[in-house]
Amino acid sequence: MNRRDFIWTLPGIGASVWLTGCATDPVTGKQSFVMMGKEQEVAVDKQHSPHQYSEDYGVSQDAALNRYMDGIGDRMASRSHRPDMPYRFQVVNANYVNAYAFPGGSIAATRGILLEMESEDELAALTGHELGHVNARHFAERQAKGTLVEIVAATATIAASSKYPQYGELAQLVGSLGGGALLSHYSRENEREADALGMEYMNKAGYSPQGMADLMDMLNSQSREKPNALELMFATHPMSSERLATTRQSLQTTYKDSAKKPLQRERYMDNTARLRAIKPAILAEQKGESLLGQKKFNEAEDQLDKALSLAPDDYPGLVLMAKTQMAMKKPREAQPYLARAKAIYPTEAQASQLTGVTHLQLKQPDRALAAFQDYDRLLPGNPNTTFLMGFSLEQMGQKQAAAQQYANYLRLSNQGNQAQHAFNRLKGWGYVK
């Protein structure tokens, strides 16, 4: 669906979005043309951030680590231009290096990036930068310019036929929304403003603005050493030598005195100790994911086997190994990993979605339907799940129930092979002309 179609499908959004018009920029105090008010920003956030978190293997189950992240975020949010936003600061289980913000104040950092930082001041800089995007309303501004992030359905491809689909090659992508598809891609101008605001907020909160320069240095260094892990980071947050130069200039002028504050290294290391204890496993998973994307399945399996030998109860590792088995057309071998993943993290939905796909691969549509229904209970609102429930019901011979799911799916998405399959079935069964 196109951008305008998407806007009109969001609950609580519709004509009210287009009537918002001019608003006061909370940072500059000037009038700016946006099409989303605060309520709409929060609605978009509430609807879509849970799906991104699930794509990133859920919020970290390390409650102390999340409290630490949230405490730093709250400390700076209270000093921002929009302190009344319903902020949430969380760590997600993704292995890649990134952080992101949704427009209503949901802000997340991946465990991959936490492993690369060395001080609380760097984490404050990262969090402040994302706060900058929320406070400057960059999502709303880009939407007003017609560049609203596109919502992409998950990648399970269904051939327009009555035969079982061959999910094998795409199985590693099923259950997600397509590699950061929900994340906004900012301009360099947006990034510069977020950098400046991040430094302002962290300075007001008592941190050393030197943390921002250290963060940028780390990201540039990591991009040379393992570019695959930072691919999404630089796609959503374009980096430039000019940004780093501007930050260093600010340290020598605006923040000349506060940049001398000591960095909070020991406190950061203490609070990330449990995460750093499994760093070798996470690094192996990073390699495994990269190999999986290159369709080097045997090599990916070796890396993930290494990761699980180091951290046998790591949810992302178990799910990644299952995806690898599915990509190798071994759905039965994938199922024990998914069962273990669900037992470890029963409230996270991705393992249920993948379990359903394995049952479709094994021609067990009744079990597939139960798994997809479990996913939908945990994480409603994924159009792909609606389609897969319809497909499962079709294979069970329940045409009326399948037709209802296909009709529901077509209300959410009307392009691609899945939409074509759903429409052909409704037409063939006489529900549409």
Foldseek 3Di string as FASTA:
>chain_A
DALLLVQCPQPPGHVQLQPPAWDQQLVPRDIDGFRDDLVRQQSLCVQPVLQVLLLLVHFDPPVLLQVVQQVLLLLLLCVASCVPQPAGETEGAHQFFAWAAGQRHYIYGYLNNLLLDQFVLLSLLRSQLRVQCNSRVQQRNCVSVRNHQDFAAWDQFDALDLDQDQRQQVLLGPLHRPDCSNGAAGDQVSSLRSNVRSLVSCVVSLAALVSNLVNLVSLVVVCVVPVVSCVVRCRRRPDDPVSSVVSVVCCVPVVVPSNPDDTHRVVSCVSCVVSNQLVQLSVLQSVLVVCSVVVVLVSSLVSLVVSCVSVVQRLVSLSSNLSSCSNVVNLVVSVVSLVSSCVSPVLNQSSLQSNLVSCSSVLNLVSSLVSLVSSCVSRNDRLVSLLSNLSSCVSVVNLVVSLVSLVVSCSVDCDDNSNVSSVVSCVVVPVDD
